[in-house]
Amino acid sequence: MNLQFISDSTGKPTGVFIPIQDWENLKEKYAGLEQEESKMVTIPKWQKEVVRRRLKDYRENPDKVLDWDEVKDSFKLG
């Protein structure tokens, strides 16, 4: 496992970066870890409502969307 330790400006360790494949392996090895992860990753109710509203708008008006490549190109300079 190739862990990377994250430190603050004084050198005090403040976190650990775990490569995704190692994280997936840990979740397989320790059954409760995936449940803990799902508790930590929560989406606020207001944000879910925004997404639901946007999806509803899209489904009702699929022709009123912008093409990403066209939008991106409109921002290119000279």
Protein backbone atom coordinates (compact mmCIF):
# COMPACT_ATOMS: atom_id res chain seq x y z
CA MET A 1 0.00 0.00 0.00
CA ASN A 2 1.39 3.37 -1.02
CA LEU A 3 0.08 5.85 1.56
CA GLN A 4 0.87 9.54 1.36
CA PHE A 5 0.79 11.57 4.56
CA ILE A 6 -0.51 15.13 4.43
CA SER A 7 1.04 17.66 6.81
CA ASP A 8 0.28 21.24 7.79
CA SER A 9 2.78 24.10 7.54
CA THR A 10 4.43 23.04 10.80
CA GLY A 11 4.98 19.47 9.63
CA LYS A 12 2.21 18.05 11.82
CA PRO A 13 0.44 15.14 10.06
CA THR A 14 -3.16 16.10 9.31
CA GLY A 15 -4.33 13.39 6.94
CA VAL A 16 -3.57 10.38 4.80
CA PHE A 17 -4.10 9.89 1.08
CA ILE A 18 -4.98 6.29 0.18
CA PRO A 19 -4.88 5.31 -3.52
CA ILE A 20 -8.34 4.28 -4.72
CA GLN A 21 -7.42 0.65 -5.42
CA ASP A 22 -6.02 0.30 -1.91
CA TRP A 23 -9.18 1.91 -0.53
CA GLU A 24 -11.36 -0.58 -2.45
CA ASN A 25 -9.25 -3.45 -1.07
CA LEU A 26 -9.65 -2.14 2.48
CA LYS A 27 -13.44 -1.96 2.04
CA GLU A 28 -13.46 -5.60 0.93
CA LYS A 29 -11.30 -6.65 3.88
CA TYR A 30 -13.17 -4.73 6.59
CA ALA A 31 -16.93 -5.20 6.26
CA GLY A 32 -17.98 -2.18 8.32
CA LEU A 33 -15.80 0.27 6.42
CA GLU A 34 -18.17 0.65 3.48
CA GLN A 35 -21.08 1.42 5.81
CA GLU A 36 -18.98 4.06 7.57
CA GLU A 37 -18.04 5.55 4.21
CA SER A 38 -21.68 5.84 3.19
CA LYS A 39 -22.42 7.70 6.45
CA MET A 40 -19.63 10.20 5.77
CA VAL A 41 -20.64 10.94 2.19
CA THR A 42 -24.01 12.61 2.58
CA ILE A 43 -25.67 14.94 0.15
CA PRO A 44 -27.68 17.73 1.77
CA LYS A 45 -31.44 17.65 1.17
CA TRP A 46 -31.39 21.07 -0.54
CA GLN A 47 -28.78 19.85 -3.01
CA LYS A 48 -30.81 16.73 -3.84
CA GLU A 49 -33.81 18.96 -4.51
CA VAL A 50 -31.79 21.14 -6.89
CA VAL A 51 -30.67 18.06 -8.84
CA ARG A 52 -34.22 16.65 -8.93
CA ARG A 53 -35.58 19.97 -10.20
CA ARG A 54 -32.89 20.19 -12.88
CA LEU A 55 -33.52 16.62 -14.01
CA LYS A 56 -37.25 17.30 -14.17
CA ASP A 57 -36.63 20.44 -16.23
CA TYR A 58 -34.37 18.50 -18.58
CA ARG A 59 -36.85 15.64 -19.02
CA GLU A 60 -39.65 18.09 -19.76
CA ASN A 61 -37.51 20.21 -22.14
CA PRO A 62 -34.70 18.04 -23.56
CA ASP A 63 -34.28 20.40 -26.52
CA LYS A 64 -33.50 23.39 -24.29
CA VAL A 65 -29.99 22.40 -23.31
CA LEU A 66 -26.60 23.65 -24.39
CA ASP A 67 -23.97 21.51 -26.05
CA TRP A 68 -20.89 21.43 -23.81
CA ASP A 69 -18.41 21.64 -26.70
CA GLU A 70 -20.18 24.73 -28.06
CA VAL A 71 -20.20 26.40 -24.65
CA LYS A 72 -16.54 25.56 -24.11
CA ASP A 73 -15.61 26.90 -27.55
CA SER A 74 -17.45 30.15 -26.84
CA PHE A 75 -14.99 30.85 -24.01
CA LYS A 76 -11.85 30.29 -26.05
CA LEU A 77 -9.80 33.38 -26.66
CA GLY A 78 -8.51 34.57 -30.04
